Protein backbone atom coordinates (compact mmCIF):
# COMPACT_ATOMS: atom_id res chain seq x y z
CA MET A 1 -66.67 -82.45 245.32
CA SER A 2 -68.69 -80.86 242.54
CA ARG A 3 -69.90 -82.79 239.56
CA LYS A 4 -67.99 -80.49 237.19
CA ALA A 5 -64.69 -81.11 239.04
CA ILE A 6 -65.18 -84.89 238.87
CA SER A 7 -66.05 -84.67 235.16
CA THR A 8 -62.95 -82.56 234.49
CA GLY A 9 -60.79 -85.01 236.44
CA ILE A 10 -62.09 -87.97 234.43
CA LYS A 11 -61.51 -86.12 231.14
CA LEU A 12 -57.95 -85.23 232.16
CA LEU A 13 -57.30 -88.83 233.18
CA ALA A 14 -58.58 -90.15 229.83
CA ILE A 15 -56.58 -87.63 227.80
CA SER A 16 -53.46 -88.37 229.86
CA LEU A 17 -53.92 -92.09 229.20
CA ALA A 18 -54.29 -91.51 225.45
CA VAL A 19 -51.25 -89.23 225.25
CA GLY A 20 -49.21 -91.62 227.39
CA LEU A 21 -50.07 -94.55 225.16
CA GLY A 22 -49.18 -92.52 222.07
CA LEU A 23 -45.84 -91.44 223.49
CA SER A 24 -45.10 -95.01 224.54
CA VAL A 25 -45.68 -96.19 220.96
CA LEU A 26 -43.15 -93.54 219.85
CA GLY A 27 -40.62 -94.86 222.38
CA VAL A 28 -40.80 -91.91 224.77
CA SER A 29 -40.77 -92.65 228.50
CA ALA A 30 -41.90 -90.56 231.45
CA ARG A 31 -38.25 -90.33 232.55
CA ASP A 32 -37.32 -88.80 229.17
CA VAL A 33 -40.07 -86.19 229.42
CA LEU A 34 -39.30 -85.30 233.03
CA GLY A 35 -35.57 -85.04 232.25
CA TRP A 36 -36.32 -82.72 229.35
CA LEU A 37 -38.66 -80.58 231.50
CA GLY A 38 -36.08 -80.37 234.28
CA GLY A 39 -33.43 -79.20 231.83
CA THR A 40 -35.79 -76.68 230.30
CA VAL A 41 -36.77 -75.26 233.69
CA GLY A 42 -33.12 -75.03 234.71
CA GLU A 43 -32.25 -73.20 231.49
CA ALA A 44 -35.18 -70.81 231.94
CA VAL A 45 -34.07 -70.00 235.49
CA GLY A 46 -30.53 -69.37 234.22
CA VAL A 47 -31.75 -67.04 231.49
CA GLY A 48 -33.94 -65.20 233.99
CA ALA A 49 -31.04 -64.78 236.40
CA ASN A 50 -28.81 -63.46 233.62
CA LEU A 51 -31.52 -61.02 232.56
CA LEU A 52 -31.93 -59.71 236.11
CA GLU A 53 -28.17 -59.37 236.51
CA TRP A 54 -27.96 -57.41 233.25
CA ALA A 55 -30.96 -55.17 234.00
CA TRP A 56 -30.15 -54.42 237.65
CA SER A 57 -27.41 -51.84 236.94
CA TYR A 58 -29.71 -50.02 234.50
CA VAL A 59 -32.54 -50.00 237.05
CA ILE A 60 -30.26 -48.47 239.66
CA LEU A 61 -28.98 -45.87 237.19
CA GLY A 62 -32.50 -44.88 236.16
CA ALA A 63 -33.75 -44.84 239.74
CA ALA A 64 -30.99 -42.39 240.67
CA ILE A 65 -32.74 -39.86 238.42
CA VAL A 66 -36.38 -40.95 238.49
CA LEU A 67 -36.91 -41.26 242.27
CA PRO A 68 -35.65 -37.78 243.23
CA VAL A 69 -37.72 -36.20 240.42
CA TRP A 70 -40.77 -38.16 241.54
CA LEU A 71 -40.27 -37.12 245.17
CA ILE A 72 -40.00 -33.45 244.13
CA LEU A 73 -43.21 -33.71 242.08
CA VAL A 74 -45.06 -35.38 244.97
CA ALA A 75 -43.87 -32.67 247.35
CA LEU A 76 -44.95 -29.91 244.94
CA ARG A 77 -48.42 -31.47 244.53
CA HIS A 78 -48.74 -31.74 248.29
CA LEU A 79 -47.80 -28.08 248.74
CA GLN A 80 -50.29 -27.00 246.04
CA ARG A 81 -53.13 -28.85 247.78
CA LYS A 82 -52.35 -27.09 251.06
CA LYS A 83 -52.81 -23.63 249.50
């Protein structure tokens, strides 16, 4: 392992210890933090799923126009190169 990686690992360990001690003084436990993170991740996934569900119908509608126009333009460019 490189010296820089070991140094970074030691720094991260020391900072983690200091933050952990500080949070412990404030009465925050690792379980509290992990529960909060799990809830936040779950909410973010839910928002992302709702966004995709909302956007999907608009993507399909736009693609119904954009893809045929794009295919026509590609075909015209191809025919112009052949001349």
